[in-house]
Amino acid sequence: IRTELARIGGVLEAFRDFASMGHLDLTDVPLKDLIARQVELVRPQAQRQGISIEIVPFDPEWVVSADRGRLEQGLLNLFVNAMDAMPQGGKLTVAVSRVDASVQIEVADTGCGIPESLQDKVLDPYFTTKGAGTGLGLAICDKIMRQHHGTIDFRSSPQGTTFRLTLPNAGQT
């Protein structure tokens, strides 16, 4: 009963988070710190799963105008999904690049990829292939990116999946 109550509580909290995202608290967010913090959160689990994490070097001065908490949530969701796609180990790679006045953050895994028949559904609320998932993680990422006037997209193959977040209003400190 306790396990089921905890599961239901998690589903309700995820639903509340998805439904209640309103006002953004925009600040200049250093990408180096943002990514490093999320990597440190997932590193213990990644090590237990035999997953190596690589952050491709990028300019440490790059910042984005964003709501730090929401952006952290979106990145963490992508990291957790990537690790879920590699239960037997693999590699998670984070790459950051500038494109005009935008920044792109790519999160890539070496998992088995997303079947083509499911690719058009992965950003839909409540769609999940996980037994314990709520189906809100990627939908929340999509909503966060739209709130920031950015985008999320992905490409997938049997060798892995890469999600790309594109954020406008990028600069240097």
C-alpha atoms as a PDB file:
ATOM      1  CA  ILE A   1       0.000   0.000   0.000  1.00  0.00           C
ATOM      2  CA  ARG A   2       2.830   2.397   0.867  1.00  0.00           C
ATOM      3  CA  THR A   3       4.567   1.741  -2.451  1.00  0.00           C
ATOM      4  CA  GLU A   4       1.363   2.381  -4.370  1.00  0.00           C
ATOM      5  CA  LEU A   5       0.688   5.572  -2.391  1.00  0.00           C
ATOM      6  CA  ALA A   6       4.204   6.800  -3.164  1.00  0.00           C
ATOM      7  CA  ARG A   7       3.700   6.016  -6.861  1.00  0.00           C
ATOM      8  CA  ILE A   8       0.351   7.810  -6.967  1.00  0.00           C
ATOM      9  CA  GLY A   9       1.859  10.759  -5.093  1.00  0.00           C
ATOM     10  CA  GLY A  10       4.620  10.972  -7.698  1.00  0.00           C
ATOM     11  CA  VAL A  11       2.110  10.904 -10.549  1.00  0.00           C
ATOM     12  CA  LEU A  12       0.033  13.647  -8.932  1.00  0.00           C
ATOM     13  CA  GLU A  13       3.097  15.799  -8.286  1.00  0.00           C
ATOM     14  CA  ALA A  14       4.248  15.398 -11.903  1.00  0.00           C
ATOM     15  CA  PHE A  15       0.760  16.327 -13.103  1.00  0.00           C
ATOM     16  CA  ARG A  16       0.734  19.396 -10.824  1.00  0.00           C
ATOM     17  CA  ASP A  17       4.144  20.464 -12.137  1.00  0.00           C
ATOM     18  CA  PHE A  18       3.015  20.053 -15.732  1.00  0.00           C
ATOM     19  CA  ALA A  19      -0.255  21.905 -15.224  1.00  0.00           C
ATOM     20  CA  SER A  20       1.055  24.765 -13.085  1.00  0.00           C
ATOM     21  CA  MET A  21       4.045  26.066 -15.015  1.00  0.00           C
ATOM     22  CA  GLY A  22       3.325  29.757 -15.315  1.00  0.00           C
ATOM     23  CA  HIS A  23       5.640  32.679 -14.616  1.00  0.00           C
ATOM     24  CA  LEU A  24       9.322  32.380 -15.532  1.00  0.00           C
ATOM     25  CA  ASP A  25      12.024  33.764 -13.248  1.00  0.00           C
ATOM     26  CA  LEU A  26      14.536  34.767 -15.933  1.00  0.00           C
ATOM     27  CA  THR A  27      18.178  35.298 -15.007  1.00  0.00           C
ATOM     28  CA  ASP A  28      21.501  34.938 -16.800  1.00  0.00           C
ATOM     29  CA  VAL A  29      22.335  31.257 -16.375  1.00  0.00           C
ATOM     30  CA  PRO A  30      25.938  30.136 -16.993  1.00  0.00           C
ATOM     31  CA  LEU A  31      25.655  26.970 -19.097  1.00  0.00           C
ATOM     32  CA  LYS A  32      28.842  25.476 -17.660  1.00  0.00           C
ATOM     33  CA  ASP A  33      27.415  25.563 -14.116  1.00  0.00           C
ATOM     34  CA  LEU A  34      23.960  24.428 -15.200  1.00  0.00           C
ATOM     35  CA  ILE A  35      25.247  21.350 -16.996  1.00  0.00           C
ATOM     36  CA  ALA A  36      27.872  20.480 -14.379  1.00  0.00           C
ATOM     37  CA  ARG A  37      25.255  20.541 -11.621  1.00  0.00           C
ATOM     38  CA  GLN A  38      22.912  18.170 -13.440  1.00  0.00           C
ATOM     39  CA  VAL A  39      25.765  15.824 -14.388  1.00  0.00           C
ATOM     40  CA  GLU A  40      26.798  15.617 -10.735  1.00  0.00           C
ATOM     41  CA  LEU A  41      23.223  14.720  -9.759  1.00  0.00           C
ATOM     42  CA  VAL A  42      23.090  11.752 -12.144  1.00  0.00           C
ATOM     43  CA  ARG A  43      26.728  10.620 -11.932  1.00  0.00           C
ATOM     44  CA  PRO A  44      26.233   8.116  -9.038  1.00  0.00           C
ATOM     45  CA  GLN A  45      23.422   6.331 -10.880  1.00  0.00           C
ATOM     46  CA  ALA A  46      25.361   6.464 -14.149  1.00  0.00           C
ATOM     47  CA  GLN A  47      28.353   4.827 -12.476  1.00  0.00           C
ATOM     48  CA  ARG A  48      26.146   2.071 -11.028  1.00  0.00           C
ATOM     49  CA  GLN A  49      24.807   1.410 -14.537  1.00  0.00           C
ATOM     50  CA  GLY A  50      28.212   1.487 -16.227  1.00  0.00           C
ATOM     51  CA  ILE A  51      27.451   4.705 -18.107  1.00  0.00           C
ATOM     52  CA  SER A  52      30.256   7.131 -18.860  1.00  0.00           C
ATOM     53  CA  ILE A  53      29.407  10.822 -19.122  1.00  0.00           C
ATOM     54  CA  GLU A  54      31.242  13.164 -21.474  1.00  0.00           C
ATOM     55  CA  ILE A  55      30.790  16.918 -21.614  1.00  0.00           C
ATOM     56  CA  VAL A  56      32.203  18.166 -24.910  1.00  0.00           C
ATOM     57  CA  PRO A  57      34.277  21.290 -24.108  1.00  0.00           C
ATOM     58  CA  PHE A  58      32.606  24.613 -24.899  1.00  0.00           C
ATOM     59  CA  ASP A  59      33.152  28.259 -23.999  1.00  0.00           C
ATOM     60  CA  PRO A  60      32.676  28.499 -20.204  1.00  0.00           C
ATOM     61  CA  GLU A  61      31.468  32.109 -20.570  1.00  0.00           C
ATOM     62  CA  TRP A  62      28.276  31.217 -22.440  1.00  0.00           C
ATOM     63  CA  VAL A  63      25.035  32.127 -20.674  1.00  0.00           C
ATOM     64  CA  VAL A  64      21.356  31.980 -21.516  1.00  0.00           C
ATOM     65  CA  SER A  65      18.504  34.090 -20.247  1.00  0.00           C
ATOM     66  CA  ALA A  66      16.374  31.417 -18.606  1.00  0.00           C
ATOM     67  CA  ASP A  67      14.536  30.194 -15.562  1.00  0.00           C
ATOM     68  CA  ARG A  68      17.323  28.163 -13.936  1.00  0.00           C
ATOM     69  CA  GLY A  69      15.033  25.791 -12.053  1.00  0.00           C
ATOM     70  CA  ARG A  70      12.945  24.922 -15.074  1.00  0.00           C
ATOM     71  CA  LEU A  71      15.972  24.488 -17.318  1.00  0.00           C
ATOM     72  CA  GLU A  72      17.561  22.215 -14.712  1.00  0.00           C
ATOM     73  CA  GLN A  73      14.366  20.169 -14.615  1.00  0.00           C
ATOM     74  CA  GLY A  74      14.352  19.797 -18.393  1.00  0.00           C
ATOM     75  CA  LEU A  75      17.997  18.741 -18.545  1.00  0.00           C
ATOM     76  CA  LEU A  76      17.575  16.316 -15.674  1.00  0.00           C
ATOM     77  CA  ASN A  77      14.600  14.716 -17.446  1.00  0.00           C
ATOM     78  CA  LEU A  78      16.725  14.250 -20.580  1.00  0.00           C
ATOM     79  CA  PHE A  79      19.634  12.783 -18.589  1.00  0.00           C
ATOM     80  CA  VAL A  80      17.368  10.330 -16.749  1.00  0.00           C
ATOM     81  CA  ASN A  81      15.693   9.244 -19.996  1.00  0.00           C
ATOM     82  CA  ALA A  82      19.091   8.751 -21.638  1.00  0.00           C
ATOM     83  CA  MET A  83      20.261   6.588 -18.744  1.00  0.00           C
ATOM     84  CA  ASP A  84      17.000   4.599 -18.809  1.00  0.00           C
ATOM     85  CA  ALA A  85      17.758   3.840 -22.476  1.00  0.00           C
ATOM     86  CA  MET A  86      21.113   2.289 -21.444  1.00  0.00           C
ATOM     87  CA  PRO A  87      20.357  -0.223 -18.655  1.00  0.00           C
ATOM     88  CA  GLN A  88      23.426  -2.277 -19.609  1.00  0.00           C
ATOM     89  CA  GLY A  89      25.770   0.707 -19.754  1.00  0.00           C
ATOM     90  CA  GLY A  90      26.856   3.060 -22.494  1.00  0.00           C
ATOM     91  CA  LYS A  91      27.803   6.673 -22.975  1.00  0.00           C
ATOM     92  CA  LEU A  92      25.900   9.886 -22.314  1.00  0.00           C
ATOM     93  CA  THR A  93      27.318  12.898 -24.151  1.00  0.00           C
ATOM     94  CA  VAL A  94      26.427  16.546 -23.591  1.00  0.00           C
ATOM     95  CA  ALA A  95      27.460  19.029 -26.294  1.00  0.00           C
ATOM     96  CA  VAL A  96      26.809  22.769 -26.412  1.00  0.00           C
ATOM     97  CA  SER A  97      27.124  24.928 -29.521  1.00  0.00           C
ATOM     98  CA  ARG A  98      26.232  28.435 -30.638  1.00  0.00           C
ATOM     99  CA  VAL A  99      24.064  29.057 -33.662  1.00  0.00           C
ATOM    100  CA  ASP A 100      23.645  32.768 -34.359  1.00  0.00           C
ATOM    101  CA  ALA A 101      22.149  34.252 -31.143  1.00  0.00           C
ATOM    102  CA  SER A 102      20.979  30.867 -29.852  1.00  0.00           C
ATOM    103  CA  VAL A 103      22.575  28.051 -27.902  1.00  0.00           C
ATOM    104  CA  GLN A 104      21.955  24.393 -28.605  1.00  0.00           C
ATOM    105  CA  ILE A 105      22.381  21.765 -25.900  1.00  0.00           C
ATOM    106  CA  GLU A 106      22.517  18.199 -27.176  1.00  0.00           C
ATOM    107  CA  VAL A 107      22.069  15.186 -24.904  1.00  0.00           C
ATOM    108  CA  ALA A 108      23.025  11.961 -26.667  1.00  0.00           C
ATOM    109  CA  ASP A 109      22.888   8.346 -25.524  1.00  0.00           C
ATOM    110  CA  THR A 110      24.132   5.080 -26.980  1.00  0.00           C
ATOM    111  CA  GLY A 111      20.926   3.200 -26.198  1.00  0.00           C
ATOM    112  CA  CYS A 112      18.784   1.249 -28.616  1.00  0.00           C
ATOM    113  CA  GLY A 113      16.980   4.316 -29.960  1.00  0.00           C
ATOM    114  CA  ILE A 114      13.309   5.199 -30.179  1.00  0.00           C
ATOM    115  CA  PRO A 115      11.334   3.012 -32.583  1.00  0.00           C
ATOM    116  CA  GLU A 116      10.179   4.975 -35.602  1.00  0.00           C
ATOM    117  CA  SER A 117       6.554   4.047 -34.871  1.00  0.00           C
ATOM    118  CA  LEU A 118       6.753   5.884 -31.503  1.00  0.00           C
ATOM    119  CA  GLN A 119       8.763   8.948 -32.491  1.00  0.00           C
ATOM    120  CA  ASP A 120       5.754  11.169 -33.196  1.00  0.00           C
ATOM    121  CA  LYS A 121       4.357  10.461 -29.693  1.00  0.00           C
ATOM    122  CA  VAL A 122       7.373  10.930 -27.391  1.00  0.00           C
ATOM    123  CA  LEU A 123       6.623  14.594 -26.576  1.00  0.00           C
ATOM    124  CA  ASP A 124       2.921  13.921 -25.898  1.00  0.00           C
ATOM    125  CA  PRO A 125       1.744  14.184 -22.280  1.00  0.00           C
ATOM    126  CA  TYR A 126       1.182  10.811 -20.599  1.00  0.00           C
ATOM    127  CA  PHE A 127       2.907   8.814 -23.330  1.00  0.00           C
ATOM    128  CA  THR A 128       5.411   6.394 -21.833  1.00  0.00           C
ATOM    129  CA  THR A 129       7.042   3.094 -22.627  1.00  0.00           C
ATOM    130  CA  LYS A 130       8.227   2.698 -19.028  1.00  0.00           C
ATOM    131  CA  GLY A 131       6.293   0.622 -16.540  1.00  0.00           C
ATOM    132  CA  ALA A 132       6.860   3.158 -13.747  1.00  0.00           C
ATOM    133  CA  GLY A 133       6.848   6.368 -15.792  1.00  0.00           C
ATOM    134  CA  THR A 134       4.200   9.089 -15.800  1.00  0.00           C
ATOM    135  CA  GLY A 135       4.743  10.044 -19.421  1.00  0.00           C
ATOM    136  CA  LEU A 136       5.272  13.682 -18.466  1.00  0.00           C
ATOM    137  CA  GLY A 137       9.082  14.040 -18.565  1.00  0.00           C
ATOM    138  CA  LEU A 138       9.482  14.910 -22.244  1.00  0.00           C
ATOM    139  CA  ALA A 139       6.173  16.790 -22.337  1.00  0.00           C
ATOM    140  CA  ILE A 140       7.486  18.953 -19.491  1.00  0.00           C
ATOM    141  CA  CYS A 141      10.744  19.499 -21.421  1.00  0.00           C
ATOM    142  CA  ASP A 142       8.735  20.568 -24.450  1.00  0.00           C
ATOM    143  CA  LYS A 143       6.633  22.977 -22.374  1.00  0.00           C
ATOM    144  CA  ILE A 144       9.726  24.448 -20.691  1.00  0.00           C
ATOM    145  CA  MET A 145      11.360  25.059 -24.060  1.00  0.00           C
ATOM    146  CA  ARG A 146       8.226  26.686 -25.494  1.00  0.00           C
ATOM    147  CA  GLN A 147       8.002  28.952 -22.411  1.00  0.00           C
ATOM    148  CA  HIS A 148      11.577  30.059 -23.157  1.00  0.00           C
ATOM    149  CA  HIS A 149      10.694  30.621 -26.852  1.00  0.00           C
ATOM    150  CA  GLY A 150      12.998  27.723 -27.654  1.00  0.00           C
ATOM    151  CA  THR A 151      12.568  24.294 -29.173  1.00  0.00           C
ATOM    152  CA  ILE A 152      13.231  20.642 -28.459  1.00  0.00           C
ATOM    153  CA  ASP A 153      13.798  18.110 -31.179  1.00  0.00           C
ATOM    154  CA  PHE A 154      15.530  14.778 -31.538  1.00  0.00           C
ATOM    155  CA  ARG A 155      16.968  12.245 -33.897  1.00  0.00           C
ATOM    156  CA  SER A 156      17.133   8.557 -33.180  1.00  0.00           C
ATOM    157  CA  SER A 157      18.582   5.386 -34.632  1.00  0.00           C
ATOM    158  CA  PRO A 158      19.267   1.883 -33.330  1.00  0.00           C
ATOM    159  CA  GLN A 159      22.645   3.259 -32.130  1.00  0.00           C
ATOM    160  CA  GLY A 160      21.098   5.871 -29.827  1.00  0.00           C
ATOM    161  CA  THR A 161      19.109   9.067 -29.507  1.00  0.00           C
ATOM    162  CA  THR A 162      20.109  12.722 -29.394  1.00  0.00           C
ATOM    163  CA  PHE A 163      17.787  15.368 -27.965  1.00  0.00           C
ATOM    164  CA  ARG A 164      18.555  18.981 -28.850  1.00  0.00           C
ATOM    165  CA  LEU A 165      17.372  21.978 -26.839  1.00  0.00           C
ATOM    166  CA  THR A 166      17.631  25.322 -28.644  1.00  0.00           C
ATOM    167  CA  LEU A 167      17.489  28.454 -26.492  1.00  0.00           C
ATOM    168  CA  PRO A 168      17.411  32.019 -27.804  1.00  0.00           C
ATOM    169  CA  ASN A 169      19.006  35.037 -26.126  1.00  0.00           C
ATOM    170  CA  ALA A 170      22.404  33.496 -25.556  1.00  0.00           C
ATOM    171  CA  GLY A 171      25.500  35.492 -24.833  1.00  0.00           C
ATOM    172  CA  GLN A 172      28.705  35.688 -22.886  1.00  0.00           C
ATOM    173  CA  THR A 173      29.169  36.986 -19.359  1.00  0.00           C
END
